[in-house]
C-alpha atoms as a PDB file:
ATOM      1  CA  MET A   1      20.378 -11.960 102.671  1.00  0.00           C
ATOM      2  CA  ILE A   2      16.950 -12.064 101.379  1.00  0.00           C
ATOM      3  CA  GLU A   3      14.215 -12.534 103.819  1.00  0.00           C
ATOM      4  CA  ILE A   4      11.320 -14.466 102.657  1.00  0.00           C
ATOM      5  CA  ASN A   5       8.228 -13.366 104.445  1.00  0.00           C
ATOM      6  CA  ALA A   6       4.562 -13.237 103.627  1.00  0.00           C
ATOM      7  CA  THR A   7       4.779 -10.008 101.597  1.00  0.00           C
ATOM      8  CA  ILE A   8       7.187 -11.458  99.144  1.00  0.00           C
ATOM      9  CA  LEU A   9       4.983 -14.534  98.839  1.00  0.00           C
ATOM     10  CA  ALA A  10       1.890 -12.413  98.424  1.00  0.00           C
ATOM     11  CA  GLN A  11       3.706 -10.331  95.722  1.00  0.00           C
ATOM     12  CA  ILE A  12       4.826 -13.518  93.955  1.00  0.00           C
ATOM     13  CA  ILE A  13       1.290 -14.856  94.088  1.00  0.00           C
ATOM     14  CA  ASN A  14      -0.064 -11.533  92.837  1.00  0.00           C
ATOM     15  CA  PHE A  15       2.483 -11.504  90.097  1.00  0.00           C
ATOM     16  CA  LEU A  16       1.648 -15.046  89.026  1.00  0.00           C
ATOM     17  CA  LEU A  17      -2.067 -14.276  89.162  1.00  0.00           C
ATOM     18  CA  LEU A  18      -1.501 -11.129  87.100  1.00  0.00           C
ATOM     19  CA  VAL A  19       0.503 -13.067  84.525  1.00  0.00           C
ATOM     20  CA  ALA A  20      -2.208 -15.765  84.356  1.00  0.00           C
ATOM     21  CA  LEU A  21      -4.892 -13.139  84.104  1.00  0.00           C
ATOM     22  CA  LEU A  22      -3.012 -11.184  81.426  1.00  0.00           C
ATOM     23  CA  ARG A  23      -2.293 -14.330  79.561  1.00  0.00           C
ATOM     24  CA  ALA A  24      -5.988 -15.288  79.567  1.00  0.00           C
ATOM     25  CA  VAL A  25      -7.250 -11.837  78.884  1.00  0.00           C
ATOM     26  CA  ALA A  26      -4.607 -10.027  76.845  1.00  0.00           C
ATOM     27  CA  TYR A  27      -1.992 -12.428  75.426  1.00  0.00           C
ATOM     28  CA  LYS A  28      -4.288 -15.030  73.883  1.00  0.00           C
ATOM     29  CA  PRO A  29      -6.502 -12.478  72.060  1.00  0.00           C
ATOM     30  CA  VAL A  30      -3.336 -10.566  70.909  1.00  0.00           C
ATOM     31  CA  ALA A  31      -1.660 -13.770  69.800  1.00  0.00           C
ATOM     32  CA  ARG A  32      -4.872 -14.868  68.023  1.00  0.00           C
ATOM     33  CA  LEU A  33      -5.028 -11.461  66.360  1.00  0.00           C
ATOM     34  CA  LEU A  34      -1.422 -11.611  65.337  1.00  0.00           C
ATOM     35  CA  GLN A  35      -1.936 -15.138  63.956  1.00  0.00           C
ATOM     36  CA  GLN A  36      -4.991 -14.019  62.009  1.00  0.00           C
ATOM     37  CA  ARG A  37      -3.079 -11.046  60.639  1.00  0.00           C
ATOM     38  CA  SER A  38      -0.146 -13.323  59.692  1.00  0.00           C
ATOM     39  CA  ASP A  39      -2.477 -15.797  57.941  1.00  0.00           C
ATOM     40  CA  LYS A  40      -4.238 -12.909  56.137  1.00  0.00           C
ATOM     41  CA  ILE A  41      -0.920 -11.540  54.919  1.00  0.00           C
ATOM     42  CA  LYS A  42       0.191 -14.989  53.740  1.00  0.00           C
ATOM     43  CA  GLY A  43      -3.212 -15.426  52.016  1.00  0.00           C
ATOM     44  CA  ASP A  44      -2.808 -11.931  50.386  1.00  0.00           C
ATOM     45  CA  LEU A  45       0.760 -12.811  49.258  1.00  0.00           C
ATOM     46  CA  ASN A  46      -0.394 -16.115  47.733  1.00  0.00           C
ATOM     47  CA  GLN A  47      -3.341 -14.286  46.082  1.00  0.00           C
ATOM     48  CA  ALA A  48      -0.965 -11.653  44.767  1.00  0.00           C
ATOM     49  CA  GLU A  49       1.370 -14.258  43.412  1.00  0.00           C
ATOM     50  CA  ALA A  50      -1.577 -16.043  41.766  1.00  0.00           C
ATOM     51  CA  ASP A  51      -2.792 -12.728  40.345  1.00  0.00           C
ATOM     52  CA  ARG A  52       0.696 -11.957  39.064  1.00  0.00           C
ATOM     53  CA  LYS A  53       0.959 -15.289  37.300  1.00  0.00           C
ATOM     54  CA  GLU A  54      -2.456 -14.800  35.845  1.00  0.00           C
ATOM     55  CA  ALA A  55      -1.498 -11.293  34.676  1.00  0.00           C
ATOM     56  CA  GLU A  56       1.672 -12.640  33.000  1.00  0.00           C
ATOM     57  CA  LYS A  57      -0.348 -15.366  31.378  1.00  0.00           C
ATOM     58  CA  THR A  58      -2.885 -12.826  30.109  1.00  0.00           C
ATOM     59  CA  LEU A  59      -0.007 -10.501  28.967  1.00  0.00           C
ATOM     60  CA  ALA A  60       1.503 -13.341  27.056  1.00  0.00           C
ATOM     61  CA  GLN A  61      -1.822 -14.098  25.390  1.00  0.00           C
ATOM     62  CA  TYR A  62      -2.282 -10.432  24.463  1.00  0.00           C
ATOM     63  CA  LYS A  63       1.298 -10.174  23.079  1.00  0.00           C
ATOM     64  CA  ALA A  64       0.600 -13.344  20.982  1.00  0.00           C
ATOM     65  CA  GLN A  65      -2.694 -11.840  19.730  1.00  0.00           C
ATOM     66  CA  LEU A  66      -1.010  -8.542  19.005  1.00  0.00           C
ATOM     67  CA  SER A  67       1.749 -10.299  17.145  1.00  0.00           C
ATOM     68  CA  ASP A  68      -0.835 -12.277  15.114  1.00  0.00           C
ATOM     69  CA  ALA A  69      -2.671  -9.047  14.398  1.00  0.00           C
ATOM     70  CA  HIS A  70       0.559  -7.346  13.199  1.00  0.00           C
ATOM     71  CA  LYS A  71       1.216 -10.419  10.957  1.00  0.00           C
ATOM     72  CA  LYS A  72      -2.290 -10.318   9.545  1.00  0.00           C
ATOM     73  CA  ALA A  73      -2.089  -6.574   8.987  1.00  0.00           C
ATOM     74  CA  GLN A  74       1.243  -7.031   7.218  1.00  0.00           C
ATOM     75  CA  GLU A  75      -0.229  -9.804   5.036  1.00  0.00           C
ATOM     76  CA  ILE A  76      -3.190  -7.501   4.164  1.00  0.00           C
ATOM     77  CA  VAL A  77      -0.796  -4.668   3.327  1.00  0.00           C
ATOM     78  CA  ASP A  78       1.413  -6.993   1.258  1.00  0.00           C
ATOM     79  CA  LYS A  79      -1.613  -8.396  -0.564  1.00  0.00           C
ATOM     80  CA  ALA A  80      -2.997  -4.864  -1.215  1.00  0.00           C
ATOM     81  CA  ASN A  81       0.424  -3.841  -2.586  1.00  0.00           C
ATOM     82  CA  LEU A  82       0.484  -6.933  -4.818  1.00  0.00           C
ATOM     83  CA  VAL A  83      -3.023  -6.251  -6.081  1.00  0.00           C
ATOM     84  CA  ALA A  84      -2.178  -2.601  -6.689  1.00  0.00           C
ATOM     85  CA  ARG A  85       1.007  -3.507  -8.574  1.00  0.00           C
ATOM     86  CA  GLN A  86      -0.915  -5.989 -10.677  1.00  0.00           C
ATOM     87  CA  GLU A  87      -3.640  -3.513 -11.450  1.00  0.00           C
ATOM     88  CA  HIS A  88      -0.990  -0.918 -12.309  1.00  0.00           C
ATOM     89  CA  ASP A  89       0.780  -3.309 -14.605  1.00  0.00           C
ATOM     90  CA  ALA A  90      -2.434  -4.236 -16.253  1.00  0.00           C
ATOM     91  CA  ALA A  91      -3.372  -0.538 -16.725  1.00  0.00           C
ATOM     92  CA  VAL A  92       0.070   0.161 -18.192  1.00  0.00           C
ATOM     93  CA  ALA A  93      -0.211  -2.854 -20.524  1.00  0.00           C
ATOM     94  CA  GLU A  94      -3.706  -1.770 -21.559  1.00  0.00           C
ATOM     95  CA  THR A  95      -2.471   1.783 -22.195  1.00  0.00           C
ATOM     96  CA  ARG A  96       0.401   0.415 -24.283  1.00  0.00           C
ATOM     97  CA  LYS A  97      -2.047  -1.712 -26.320  1.00  0.00           C
ATOM     98  CA  GLU A  98      -4.327   1.256 -26.793  1.00  0.00           C
ATOM     99  CA  ILE A  99      -1.364   3.449 -27.894  1.00  0.00           C
ATOM    100  CA  GLU A 100      -0.318   0.719 -30.306  1.00  0.00           C
ATOM    101  CA  ARG A 101      -3.862   0.535 -31.720  1.00  0.00           C
ATOM    102  CA  MET A 102      -3.932   4.272 -32.077  1.00  0.00           C
ATOM    103  CA  LYS A 103      -0.585   4.232 -33.899  1.00  0.00           C
ATOM    104  CA  GLN A 104      -1.817   1.557 -36.246  1.00  0.00           C
ATOM    105  CA  THR A 105      -5.036   3.421 -36.840  1.00  0.00           C
ATOM    106  CA  ALA A 106      -3.096   6.604 -37.491  1.00  0.00           C
ATOM    107  CA  GLN A 107      -0.676   4.847 -39.837  1.00  0.00           C
ATOM    108  CA  ALA A 108      -3.675   3.291 -41.681  1.00  0.00           C
ATOM    109  CA  GLU A 109      -5.282   6.689 -41.967  1.00  0.00           C
ATOM    110  CA  ILE A 110      -2.068   8.224 -43.173  1.00  0.00           C
ATOM    111  CA  GLU A 111      -1.669   5.482 -45.768  1.00  0.00           C
ATOM    112  CA  ASN A 112      -5.249   5.892 -46.848  1.00  0.00           C
ATOM    113  CA  GLU A 113      -4.822   9.648 -47.050  1.00  0.00           C
ATOM    114  CA  ARG A 114      -1.579   9.205 -49.058  1.00  0.00           C
ATOM    115  CA  ASN A 115      -3.357   6.810 -51.428  1.00  0.00           C
ATOM    116  CA  ARG A 116      -6.194   9.206 -51.785  1.00  0.00           C
ATOM    117  CA  ALA A 117      -3.887  12.108 -52.431  1.00  0.00           C
ATOM    118  CA  PHE A 118      -1.845  10.057 -54.895  1.00  0.00           C
ATOM    119  CA  ASP A 119      -5.106   8.997 -56.706  1.00  0.00           C
ATOM    120  CA  GLU A 120      -6.260  12.592 -56.771  1.00  0.00           C
ATOM    121  CA  MET A 121      -2.879  13.709 -58.082  1.00  0.00           C
ATOM    122  CA  LYS A 122      -2.906  11.004 -60.670  1.00  0.00           C
ATOM    123  CA  SER A 123      -6.247  12.246 -61.816  1.00  0.00           C
ATOM    124  CA  GLN A 124      -5.023  15.767 -61.928  1.00  0.00           C
ATOM    125  CA  ILE A 125      -1.855  14.727 -63.849  1.00  0.00           C
ATOM    126  CA  VAL A 126      -3.986  12.759 -66.341  1.00  0.00           C
ATOM    127  CA  THR A 127      -6.260  15.769 -66.781  1.00  0.00           C
ATOM    128  CA  LEU A 128      -3.297  18.160 -67.201  1.00  0.00           C
ATOM    129  CA  SER A 129      -1.568  15.701 -69.451  1.00  0.00           C
ATOM    130  CA  LEU A 130      -4.590  15.485 -71.619  1.00  0.00           C
ATOM    131  CA  ALA A 131      -4.902  19.276 -71.679  1.00  0.00           C
ATOM    132  CA  ALA A 132      -1.239  19.579 -72.614  1.00  0.00           C
ATOM    133  CA  ALA A 133      -1.517  16.902 -75.225  1.00  0.00           C
ATOM    134  CA  GLY A 134      -4.570  18.688 -76.603  1.00  0.00           C
ATOM    135  CA  LYS A 135      -2.542  21.925 -76.782  1.00  0.00           C
ATOM    136  CA  VAL A 136       0.289  20.122 -78.505  1.00  0.00           C
ATOM    137  CA  VAL A 137      -1.973  18.429 -80.938  1.00  0.00           C
ATOM    138  CA  SER A 138      -3.988  21.539 -81.593  1.00  0.00           C
ATOM    139  CA  LYS A 139      -0.971  23.666 -82.293  1.00  0.00           C
ATOM    140  CA  ASN A 140       0.807  20.806 -84.082  1.00  0.00           C
ATOM    141  CA  LEU A 141       3.929  22.768 -84.042  1.00  0.00           C
ATOM    142  CA  ASP A 142       7.485  21.880 -84.681  1.00  0.00           C
ATOM    143  CA  THR A 143       9.742  20.034 -82.167  1.00  0.00           C
ATOM    144  CA  LYS A 144      11.020  23.225 -80.577  1.00  0.00           C
ATOM    145  CA  GLU A 145       7.498  24.389 -79.899  1.00  0.00           C
ATOM    146  CA  ASN A 146       6.577  20.936 -78.504  1.00  0.00           C
ATOM    147  CA  ASP A 147       9.546  20.996 -76.140  1.00  0.00           C
ATOM    148  CA  LYS A 148       8.693  24.540 -75.040  1.00  0.00           C
ATOM    149  CA  LEU A 149       5.088  23.465 -74.268  1.00  0.00           C
ATOM    150  CA  VAL A 150       6.162  20.313 -72.297  1.00  0.00           C
ATOM    151  CA  ASN A 151       8.547  22.443 -70.323  1.00  0.00           C
ATOM    152  CA  GLU A 152       5.840  24.969 -69.551  1.00  0.00           C
ATOM    153  CA  PHE A 153       3.532  22.180 -68.540  1.00  0.00           C
ATOM    154  CA  ILE A 154       6.102  20.648 -66.220  1.00  0.00           C
ATOM    155  CA  SER A 155       7.011  23.977 -64.604  1.00  0.00           C
ATOM    156  CA  GLY A 156       3.333  24.657 -64.205  1.00  0.00           C
ATOM    157  CA  LEU A 157       2.921  21.599 -62.054  1.00  0.00           C
ATOM    158  CA  ASP A 158       3.133  22.302 -58.351  1.00  0.00           C
ATOM    159  CA  LYS A 159       6.380  20.846 -57.056  1.00  0.00           C
ATOM    160  CA  ASP A 160       4.789  20.404 -53.568  1.00  0.00           C
ATOM    161  CA  MET A 161       2.443  17.776 -55.063  1.00  0.00           C
ATOM    162  CA  PHE A 162       5.358  15.371 -55.413  1.00  0.00           C
ATOM    163  CA  ALA A 163       6.816  16.107 -52.056  1.00  0.00           C
ATOM    164  CA  ASP A 164       4.289  13.830 -50.361  1.00  0.00           C
ATOM    165  CA  LEU A 165       5.347  10.863 -52.467  1.00  0.00           C
ATOM    166  CA  LYS A 166       8.862  10.811 -51.063  1.00  0.00           C
END
């Protein structure tokens, strides 16, 4: 059996005093330190969660701004393409009008040149006809001679002069 004597009692008292002393000196500061650390970790976690939510909110705002910027950029590109297409179409239409004006001017010049050539040829034909008639009258020959002179006159005319009239 166990004997209870004064040594055991002294050891129990020493042990209890040691526990009380350790509790006062070591346990309370360590517990307080652990509680502070736990509170700091909880605060950091709460702050990290708040920062994460703020970052997600900021990211969503940036994505929305980026999307708006892309839309605006696409609108600008589309508008520029439309303006370029309109300018191109206008330039093509203007070029076509200019070509048509040039054609009409060229046709008018050709017509004027043809008329001038025709008038000049008429003038030459009249001059030649008068010269031939003068020869016929001056010779006043018979019908055979008249036919011969007219045929010589006609063959003397440049056949190319009449090619432009066709």
